[in-house]
């Protein structure tokens, strides 16, 4: 009986330790900006996309990118057009899930919307994911341009990355 109690106590201590680590990491992520490494990768990808937009459409579209934890969980990113200004919002919470997907896919997806806004091609058809949007996205992207998040892509990368 004494050895069962010791095993139970060890399991409880390990479980509590893991819960504290998870809580601390979650709190730390929520309370701090993205890491310098992620910010640098995001900046480099933005430069690459801005270059592609300039090369393909001959426009300088240096849109501000705002990483926000205010977006609903269902959104990975959002491009807004208000008072003649275009802004791209990326969901900070989703960076925790898969930073590569956010940088490599979502940023290009949102920049395609920014190009559409620049050309005043406002549409609610297909949620703004028209054939013209898709062509713009393919022109400025190294990746496929999906209307919705590629959950399989996220999961596969997470499994391979283990």
N, C-alpha and C. Protein backbone atom coordinates (compact mmCIF):
# COMPACT_ATOMS: atom_id res chain seq x y z
N UNK A 1 0.82 -1.20 0.00
CA UNK A 1 0.00 0.00 0.00
C UNK A 1 0.86 1.26 0.00
N UNK A 2 1.97 1.21 0.72
CA UNK A 2 2.87 2.35 0.82
C UNK A 2 3.47 2.69 -0.54
N UNK A 3 3.84 1.70 -1.36
CA UNK A 3 4.42 1.96 -2.69
C UNK A 3 3.38 2.54 -3.64
N UNK A 4 2.12 2.14 -3.52
CA UNK A 4 1.05 2.70 -4.35
C UNK A 4 0.87 4.19 -4.03
N UNK A 5 0.92 4.51 -2.74
CA UNK A 5 0.81 5.91 -2.33
C UNK A 5 1.96 6.74 -2.88
N UNK A 6 3.17 6.19 -2.86
CA UNK A 6 4.34 6.90 -3.39
C UNK A 6 4.20 7.14 -4.90
N UNK A 7 3.72 6.12 -5.61
CA UNK A 7 3.52 6.26 -7.05
C UNK A 7 2.46 7.31 -7.33
N UNK A 8 1.35 7.25 -6.59
CA UNK A 8 0.28 8.23 -6.75
C UNK A 8 0.79 9.63 -6.47
N UNK A 9 1.56 9.80 -5.40
CA UNK A 9 2.11 11.11 -5.03
C UNK A 9 3.05 11.62 -6.12
N UNK A 10 3.88 10.74 -6.67
CA UNK A 10 4.80 11.13 -7.75
C UNK A 10 4.03 11.58 -8.98
N UNK A 11 2.99 10.87 -9.33
CA UNK A 11 2.16 11.23 -10.50
C UNK A 11 1.50 12.59 -10.28
N UNK A 12 0.98 12.81 -9.09
CA UNK A 12 0.34 14.09 -8.77
C UNK A 12 1.36 15.23 -8.86
N UNK A 13 2.54 15.02 -8.33
CA UNK A 13 3.58 16.08 -8.35
C UNK A 13 3.99 16.38 -9.78
N UNK A 14 4.22 15.36 -10.59
CA UNK A 14 4.60 15.56 -11.99
C UNK A 14 3.47 16.27 -12.74
N UNK A 15 2.24 15.86 -12.52
CA UNK A 15 1.09 16.48 -13.19
C UNK A 15 0.96 17.94 -12.81
N UNK A 16 1.08 18.24 -11.53
CA UNK A 16 1.00 19.64 -11.10
C UNK A 16 2.14 20.46 -11.68
N UNK A 17 3.33 19.90 -11.73
CA UNK A 17 4.47 20.61 -12.32
C UNK A 17 4.22 20.93 -13.79
N UNK A 18 3.70 19.96 -14.52
CA UNK A 18 3.39 20.19 -15.94
C UNK A 18 2.30 21.24 -16.11
N UNK A 19 1.29 21.21 -15.26
CA UNK A 19 0.23 22.21 -15.33
C UNK A 19 0.78 23.61 -15.06
N UNK A 20 1.68 23.73 -14.10
CA UNK A 20 2.28 25.03 -13.79
C UNK A 20 3.11 25.53 -14.97
N UNK A 21 3.87 24.65 -15.58
CA UNK A 21 4.68 25.03 -16.75
C UNK A 21 3.79 25.48 -17.89
N UNK A 22 2.73 24.75 -18.16
CA UNK A 22 1.81 25.11 -19.24
C UNK A 22 1.15 26.45 -18.94
N UNK A 23 0.69 26.64 -17.72
CA UNK A 23 0.05 27.90 -17.33
C UNK A 23 1.04 29.05 -17.48
N UNK A 24 2.28 28.85 -17.03
CA UNK A 24 3.29 29.91 -17.12
C UNK A 24 3.57 30.26 -18.58
N UNK A 25 3.76 29.26 -19.42
CA UNK A 25 4.04 29.52 -20.84
C UNK A 25 2.87 30.24 -21.51
N UNK A 26 1.65 29.84 -21.19
CA UNK A 26 0.47 30.49 -21.76
C UNK A 26 0.38 31.94 -21.29
N UNK A 27 0.58 32.17 -20.00
CA UNK A 27 0.55 33.53 -19.46
C UNK A 27 1.66 34.37 -20.08
N UNK A 28 2.85 33.81 -20.19
CA UNK A 28 3.99 34.51 -20.75
C UNK A 28 3.73 34.91 -22.20
N UNK A 29 3.13 34.01 -22.99
CA UNK A 29 2.81 34.30 -24.39
C UNK A 29 1.79 35.43 -24.48
N UNK A 30 0.75 35.36 -23.66
CA UNK A 30 -0.31 36.39 -23.70
C UNK A 30 0.20 37.75 -23.24
N UNK A 31 1.13 37.77 -22.31
CA UNK A 31 1.56 39.01 -21.67
C UNK A 31 2.69 39.73 -22.40
N UNK A 32 3.32 39.08 -23.35
CA UNK A 32 4.48 39.66 -24.02
C UNK A 32 4.27 39.73 -25.52
N UNK A 33 5.01 40.61 -26.18
CA UNK A 33 4.93 40.64 -27.65
C UNK A 33 5.53 39.35 -28.23
N UNK A 34 5.32 39.16 -29.52
CA UNK A 34 5.92 38.00 -30.18
C UNK A 34 7.44 38.07 -30.03
N UNK A 35 8.07 36.92 -30.05
CA UNK A 35 9.53 36.88 -29.89
C UNK A 35 10.22 37.67 -31.00
N UNK A 36 11.42 38.09 -30.71
CA UNK A 36 12.21 38.84 -31.70
C UNK A 36 12.41 38.01 -32.96
N UNK A 37 12.59 36.71 -32.80
CA UNK A 37 12.78 35.83 -33.95
C UNK A 37 11.54 35.83 -34.85
N UNK A 38 10.36 35.70 -34.26
CA UNK A 38 9.12 35.70 -35.04
C UNK A 38 8.92 37.07 -35.69
N UNK A 39 9.17 38.14 -34.95
CA UNK A 39 9.03 39.48 -35.51
C UNK A 39 9.96 39.68 -36.70
N UNK A 40 11.18 39.19 -36.59
CA UNK A 40 12.14 39.31 -37.68
C UNK A 40 11.68 38.52 -38.90
N UNK A 41 11.20 37.30 -38.68
CA UNK A 41 10.71 36.47 -39.79
C UNK A 41 9.50 37.12 -40.46
N UNK A 42 8.63 37.70 -39.66
CA UNK A 42 7.46 38.39 -40.19
C UNK A 42 7.87 39.59 -41.03
N UNK A 43 8.83 40.35 -40.54
CA UNK A 43 9.35 41.52 -41.26
C UNK A 43 9.99 41.09 -42.59
N UNK A 44 10.78 40.04 -42.56
CA UNK A 44 11.44 39.56 -43.79
C UNK A 44 10.41 39.06 -44.80
N UNK A 45 9.39 38.37 -44.34
CA UNK A 45 8.34 37.88 -45.25
C UNK A 45 7.57 39.05 -45.84
N UNK A 46 7.29 40.05 -45.00
CA UNK A 46 6.59 41.23 -45.49
C UNK A 46 7.41 41.90 -46.59
N UNK A 47 8.72 42.05 -46.41
CA UNK A 47 9.57 42.64 -47.44
C UNK A 47 9.47 41.84 -48.74
N UNK A 48 9.47 40.54 -48.63
CA UNK A 48 9.37 39.67 -49.80
C UNK A 48 8.04 39.87 -50.52
N UNK A 49 6.96 39.94 -49.77
CA UNK A 49 5.63 40.11 -50.37
C UNK A 49 5.50 41.50 -50.99
N UNK A 50 5.99 42.53 -50.31
CA UNK A 50 5.94 43.89 -50.85
C UNK A 50 6.72 43.95 -52.17
N UNK A 51 7.85 43.27 -52.22
CA UNK A 51 8.65 43.21 -53.45
C UNK A 51 7.85 42.54 -54.58
N UNK A 52 7.17 41.43 -54.25
CA UNK A 52 6.37 40.72 -55.26
C UNK A 52 5.21 41.60 -55.77
N UNK A 53 4.58 42.33 -54.86
CA UNK A 53 3.49 43.23 -55.25
C UNK A 53 4.03 44.31 -56.18
N UNK A 54 5.17 44.86 -55.84
CA UNK A 54 5.80 45.90 -56.68
C UNK A 54 6.14 45.33 -58.06
N UNK A 55 6.71 44.13 -58.08
CA UNK A 55 7.12 43.50 -59.34
C UNK A 55 5.93 43.14 -60.22
N UNK A 56 4.87 42.63 -59.63
CA UNK A 56 3.72 42.16 -60.40
C UNK A 56 2.73 43.28 -60.76
N UNK A 57 2.58 44.27 -59.85
CA UNK A 57 1.54 45.29 -60.04
C UNK A 57 2.06 46.72 -60.10
N UNK A 58 3.35 46.87 -59.95
CA UNK A 58 4.00 48.17 -60.03
C UNK A 58 3.41 49.19 -59.03
N UNK A 59 3.15 48.71 -57.82
CA UNK A 59 2.68 49.60 -56.75
C UNK A 59 3.51 49.36 -55.50
N UNK A 60 3.73 50.43 -54.75
CA UNK A 60 4.39 50.32 -53.45
C UNK A 60 3.31 50.19 -52.39
N UNK A 61 3.08 49.00 -51.93
CA UNK A 61 2.00 48.74 -50.99
C UNK A 61 2.59 48.26 -49.66
N UNK A 62 3.10 49.21 -48.92
CA UNK A 62 3.70 48.91 -47.63
C UNK A 62 2.64 49.11 -46.55
N UNK A 63 1.85 48.10 -46.33
CA UNK A 63 0.70 48.14 -45.43
C UNK A 63 1.16 47.81 -44.00
N UNK A 64 0.69 48.56 -43.01
CA UNK A 64 1.04 48.20 -41.63
C UNK A 64 0.46 46.85 -41.23
N UNK A 65 1.26 46.10 -40.52
CA UNK A 65 0.82 44.80 -40.01
C UNK A 65 0.72 44.92 -38.50
N UNK A 66 -0.46 44.62 -38.00
CA UNK A 66 -0.72 44.74 -36.57
C UNK A 66 -1.01 43.34 -36.03
N UNK A 67 -0.20 42.91 -35.09
CA UNK A 67 -0.44 41.62 -34.44
C UNK A 67 -1.29 41.92 -33.22
N UNK A 68 -2.48 41.32 -33.18
CA UNK A 68 -3.46 41.66 -32.15
C UNK A 68 -4.02 40.41 -31.49
N UNK A 69 -4.24 40.49 -30.20
CA UNK A 69 -4.93 39.40 -29.51
C UNK A 69 -6.41 39.73 -29.32
N UNK A 70 -6.88 40.75 -30.04
CA UNK A 70 -8.28 41.17 -29.94
C UNK A 70 -9.17 40.51 -31.00
N UNK A 71 -8.57 39.84 -31.97
CA UNK A 71 -9.36 39.19 -33.02
C UNK A 71 -10.04 37.93 -32.47
N UNK A 72 -11.21 37.60 -32.99
CA UNK A 72 -11.86 36.36 -32.55
C UNK A 72 -10.99 35.15 -32.91
N UNK A 73 -11.12 34.10 -32.13
CA UNK A 73 -10.33 32.89 -32.37
C UNK A 73 -10.55 32.31 -33.75
N UNK A 74 -11.70 32.55 -34.34
CA UNK A 74 -12.01 31.98 -35.64
C UNK A 74 -11.22 32.63 -36.78
N UNK A 75 -10.65 33.81 -36.54
CA UNK A 75 -9.89 34.52 -37.57
C UNK A 75 -8.39 34.34 -37.38
N UNK A 76 -7.71 34.05 -38.48
CA UNK A 76 -6.25 34.01 -38.47
C UNK A 76 -5.71 35.39 -38.83
N UNK A 77 -6.41 36.07 -39.72
CA UNK A 77 -6.01 37.41 -40.13
C UNK A 77 -7.20 38.17 -40.67
N UNK A 78 -6.99 39.47 -40.87
CA UNK A 78 -8.05 40.34 -41.36
C UNK A 78 -7.39 41.55 -42.01
N UNK A 79 -7.90 41.92 -43.17
CA UNK A 79 -7.44 43.14 -43.83
C UNK A 79 -8.58 44.14 -43.80
N UNK A 80 -8.27 45.35 -43.35
CA UNK A 80 -9.32 46.36 -43.26
C UNK A 80 -9.00 47.54 -44.16
N UNK A 81 -10.06 48.18 -44.60
CA UNK A 81 -9.96 49.41 -45.40
C UNK A 81 -10.88 50.42 -44.75
N UNK A 82 -10.28 51.44 -44.15
CA UNK A 82 -11.07 52.44 -43.45
C UNK A 82 -10.45 53.80 -43.69
N UNK A 83 -11.27 54.75 -44.08
CA UNK A 83 -10.81 56.13 -44.35
C UNK A 83 -9.63 56.16 -45.32
N UNK A 84 -9.68 55.31 -46.32
CA UNK A 84 -8.64 55.28 -47.34
C UNK A 84 -7.35 54.60 -46.92
N UNK A 85 -7.33 54.01 -45.73
CA UNK A 85 -6.12 53.35 -45.23
C UNK A 85 -6.35 51.84 -45.12
N UNK A 86 -5.34 51.10 -45.55
CA UNK A 86 -5.39 49.64 -45.50
C UNK A 86 -4.51 49.18 -44.35
N UNK A 87 -5.02 48.24 -43.56
CA UNK A 87 -4.25 47.65 -42.46
C UNK A 87 -4.47 46.14 -42.47
N UNK A 88 -3.42 45.43 -42.11
CA UNK A 88 -3.51 43.98 -41.97
C UNK A 88 -3.37 43.65 -40.49
N UNK A 89 -4.32 42.87 -39.99
CA UNK A 89 -4.29 42.40 -38.62
C UNK A 89 -4.04 40.90 -38.63
N UNK A 90 -3.10 40.46 -37.80
CA UNK A 90 -2.84 39.03 -37.64
C UNK A 90 -3.15 38.65 -36.20
N UNK A 91 -3.79 37.51 -36.04
CA UNK A 91 -4.24 37.06 -34.73
C UNK A 91 -3.07 36.48 -33.94
N UNK A 92 -2.68 37.18 -32.89
CA UNK A 92 -1.54 36.75 -32.07
C UNK A 92 -1.75 35.36 -31.51
N UNK A 93 -2.98 35.04 -31.11
CA UNK A 93 -3.25 33.74 -30.51
C UNK A 93 -2.94 32.60 -31.47
N UNK A 94 -3.10 32.85 -32.77
CA UNK A 94 -2.84 31.82 -33.77
C UNK A 94 -1.35 31.59 -34.01
N UNK A 95 -0.51 32.56 -33.65
CA UNK A 95 0.93 32.36 -33.76
C UNK A 95 1.39 31.25 -32.83
N UNK A 96 0.72 31.13 -31.70
CA UNK A 96 1.06 30.07 -30.75
C UNK A 96 0.77 28.70 -31.35
N UNK A 97 -0.27 28.65 -32.15
CA UNK A 97 -0.66 27.39 -32.78
C UNK A 97 0.32 26.98 -33.87
N UNK A 98 0.69 27.95 -34.74
CA UNK A 98 1.61 27.62 -35.83
C UNK A 98 2.16 28.91 -36.43
N UNK A 99 3.31 29.32 -35.96
CA UNK A 99 3.90 30.58 -36.43
C UNK A 99 4.28 30.52 -37.90
N UNK A 100 4.73 29.37 -38.39
CA UNK A 100 5.11 29.25 -39.80
C UNK A 100 3.92 29.48 -40.72
N UNK A 101 2.80 28.91 -40.37
CA UNK A 101 1.59 29.07 -41.19
C UNK A 101 1.17 30.55 -41.22
N UNK A 102 1.26 31.19 -40.06
CA UNK A 102 0.88 32.61 -39.99
C UNK A 102 1.78 33.46 -40.87
N UNK A 103 3.07 33.19 -40.85
CA UNK A 103 4.02 34.00 -41.61
C UNK A 103 3.99 33.64 -43.09
N UNK A 104 3.99 32.37 -43.39
CA UNK A 104 4.13 31.94 -44.79
C UNK A 104 2.82 31.94 -45.58
N UNK A 105 1.70 31.75 -44.92
CA UNK A 105 0.42 31.64 -45.64
C UNK A 105 -0.54 32.79 -45.37
N UNK A 106 -0.77 33.06 -44.11
CA UNK A 106 -1.80 34.04 -43.75
C UNK A 106 -1.38 35.45 -44.19
N UNK A 107 -0.12 35.80 -44.03
CA UNK A 107 0.33 37.13 -44.44
C UNK A 107 0.11 37.35 -45.94
N UNK A 108 0.48 36.38 -46.76
CA UNK A 108 0.28 36.50 -48.21
C UNK A 108 -1.21 36.58 -48.56
N UNK A 109 -2.01 35.78 -47.89
CA UNK A 109 -3.46 35.77 -48.08
C UNK A 109 -4.02 37.17 -47.82
N UNK A 110 -3.62 37.76 -46.69
CA UNK A 110 -4.13 39.09 -46.33
C UNK A 110 -3.57 40.17 -47.25
N UNK A 111 -2.35 40.02 -47.71
CA UNK A 111 -1.79 41.00 -48.64
C UNK A 111 -2.55 40.98 -49.97
N UNK A 112 -3.05 39.82 -50.37
CA UNK A 112 -3.86 39.76 -51.59
C UNK A 112 -5.13 40.59 -51.40
N UNK A 113 -5.72 40.55 -50.22
CA UNK A 113 -6.88 41.41 -49.94
C UNK A 113 -6.47 42.88 -49.99
N UNK A 114 -5.28 43.19 -49.47
CA UNK A 114 -4.80 44.57 -49.47
C UNK A 114 -4.65 45.09 -50.90
N UNK A 115 -4.16 44.24 -51.79
CA UNK A 115 -4.03 44.64 -53.21
C UNK A 115 -5.42 44.90 -53.80
N UNK A 116 -6.36 44.05 -53.47
CA UNK A 116 -7.74 44.26 -53.95
C UNK A 116 -8.27 45.60 -53.45
N UNK A 117 -8.06 45.91 -52.17
CA UNK A 117 -8.50 47.19 -51.63
C UNK A 117 -7.80 48.35 -52.33
N UNK A 118 -6.51 48.20 -52.59
CA UNK A 118 -5.76 49.25 -53.27
C UNK A 118 -6.39 49.59 -54.62
N UNK A 119 -6.82 48.55 -55.34
CA UNK A 119 -7.43 48.75 -56.65
C UNK A 119 -8.94 49.01 -56.55
N UNK A 120 -9.42 49.21 -55.32
CA UNK A 120 -10.84 49.52 -55.07
C UNK A 120 -11.77 48.41 -55.58
N UNK A 121 -11.33 47.19 -55.44
CA UNK A 121 -12.12 46.03 -55.85
C UNK A 121 -12.81 45.45 -54.61
N UNK A 122 -13.76 46.22 -54.09
CA UNK A 122 -14.49 45.79 -52.91
C UNK A 122 -15.59 44.82 -53.33
N UNK A 123 -15.65 43.71 -52.67
CA UNK A 123 -16.69 42.74 -52.98
C UNK A 123 -16.98 41.87 -51.78
N UNK A 124 -18.23 41.50 -51.65
CA UNK A 124 -18.62 40.56 -50.61
C UNK A 124 -18.82 39.17 -51.22
N UNK A 125 -18.65 39.09 -52.52
CA UNK A 125 -18.81 37.81 -53.20
C UNK A 125 -17.78 36.83 -52.65
N UNK A 126 -18.27 35.67 -52.22
CA UNK A 126 -17.39 34.60 -51.77
C UNK A 126 -16.49 35.07 -50.61
N UNK A 127 -16.99 35.99 -49.80
CA UNK A 127 -16.22 36.49 -48.66
C UNK A 127 -14.98 37.26 -49.07
N UNK A 128 -15.01 37.87 -50.26
CA UNK A 128 -13.84 38.61 -50.75
C UNK A 128 -12.81 37.73 -51.43
N UNK A 129 -13.13 36.44 -51.58
CA UNK A 129 -12.20 35.48 -52.18
C UNK A 129 -12.64 35.15 -53.61
N UNK A 130 -12.63 36.18 -54.43
CA UNK A 130 -13.05 36.02 -55.83
C UNK A 130 -11.93 35.39 -56.65
N UNK A 131 -12.23 35.11 -57.90
CA UNK A 131 -11.19 34.60 -58.81
C UNK A 131 -10.06 35.63 -58.95
N UNK A 132 -10.41 36.91 -58.99
CA UNK A 132 -9.39 37.96 -59.09
C UNK A 132 -8.51 37.97 -57.84
N UNK A 133 -9.11 37.83 -56.66
CA UNK A 133 -8.33 37.76 -55.43
C UNK A 133 -7.38 36.56 -55.48
N UNK A 134 -7.91 35.41 -55.91
CA UNK A 134 -7.08 34.21 -55.96
C UNK A 134 -5.91 34.39 -56.92
N UNK A 135 -6.14 35.04 -58.05
CA UNK A 135 -5.05 35.26 -59.00
C UNK A 135 -3.99 36.19 -58.41
N UNK A 136 -4.43 37.24 -57.72
CA UNK A 136 -3.48 38.14 -57.06
C UNK A 136 -2.68 37.36 -56.02
N UNK A 137 -3.36 36.57 -55.24
CA UNK A 137 -2.69 35.79 -54.20
C UNK A 137 -1.64 34.86 -54.82
N UNK A 138 -2.00 34.19 -55.89
CA UNK A 138 -1.04 33.30 -56.56
C UNK A 138 0.13 34.08 -57.15
N UNK A 139 -0.12 35.29 -57.62
CA UNK A 139 0.95 36.11 -58.20
C UNK A 139 1.97 36.59 -57.16
N UNK A 140 1.53 36.79 -55.93
CA UNK A 140 2.45 37.33 -54.92
C UNK A 140 2.91 36.29 -53.91
N UNK A 141 2.46 35.06 -54.07
CA UNK A 141 2.69 34.04 -53.07
C UNK A 141 3.58 32.91 -53.57
N UNK A 142 4.31 32.34 -52.64
CA UNK A 142 5.06 31.12 -52.93
C UNK A 142 4.23 29.89 -52.59
N UNK A 143 3.10 30.10 -51.96
CA UNK A 143 2.27 29.01 -51.45
C UNK A 143 0.95 28.96 -52.18
N UNK A 144 0.18 27.93 -51.87
CA UNK A 144 -1.17 27.88 -52.41
C UNK A 144 -2.02 28.93 -51.70
N UNK A 145 -3.04 29.38 -52.37
CA UNK A 145 -3.90 30.43 -51.81
C UNK A 145 -5.29 29.86 -51.59
N UNK A 146 -5.54 29.49 -50.36
CA UNK A 146 -6.84 28.93 -50.01
C UNK A 146 -7.73 30.01 -49.42
N UNK A 147 -9.01 29.79 -49.62
CA UNK A 147 -9.98 30.71 -49.03
C UNK A 147 -10.01 30.54 -47.51
N UNK A 148 -9.92 29.31 -47.08
CA UNK A 148 -9.99 29.01 -45.66
C UNK A 148 -8.66 28.45 -45.17
N UNK A 149 -8.52 28.39 -43.88
CA UNK A 149 -7.31 27.89 -43.25
C UNK A 149 -7.13 26.42 -43.60
N UNK A 150 -5.91 26.05 -43.94
CA UNK A 150 -5.59 24.66 -44.23
C UNK A 150 -5.24 23.92 -42.94
N UNK A 151 -6.28 23.44 -42.24
CA UNK A 151 -6.05 22.79 -40.95
C UNK A 151 -5.14 21.57 -41.10
N UNK A 152 -5.24 20.86 -42.22
CA UNK A 152 -4.36 19.72 -42.43
C UNK A 152 -2.91 20.18 -42.55
N UNK A 153 -2.68 21.31 -43.21
CA UNK A 153 -1.32 21.85 -43.32
C UNK A 153 -0.75 22.16 -41.94
N UNK A 154 -1.58 22.74 -41.09
CA UNK A 154 -1.13 23.09 -39.74
C UNK A 154 -0.80 21.83 -38.96
N UNK A 155 -1.67 20.84 -39.01
CA UNK A 155 -1.45 19.61 -38.27
C UNK A 155 -0.25 18.84 -38.78
N UNK A 156 -0.11 18.74 -40.10
CA UNK A 156 1.02 18.00 -40.66
C UNK A 156 2.32 18.64 -40.23
N UNK A 157 2.41 19.96 -40.30
CA UNK A 157 3.64 20.64 -39.89
C UNK A 157 3.92 20.42 -38.42
N UNK A 158 2.88 20.42 -37.58
CA UNK A 158 3.08 20.21 -36.16
C UNK A 158 3.60 18.79 -35.90
N UNK A 159 3.05 17.81 -36.60
CA UNK A 159 3.46 16.42 -36.40
C UNK A 159 4.90 16.23 -36.89
N UNK A 160 5.21 16.77 -38.06
CA UNK A 160 6.56 16.64 -38.62
C UNK A 160 7.55 17.40 -37.73
N UNK A 161 7.13 18.55 -37.22
CA UNK A 161 8.01 19.38 -36.39
C UNK A 161 8.32 18.80 -35.04
N UNK A 162 7.59 17.76 -34.63
CA UNK A 162 7.85 17.14 -33.32
C UNK A 162 9.20 16.50 -33.36
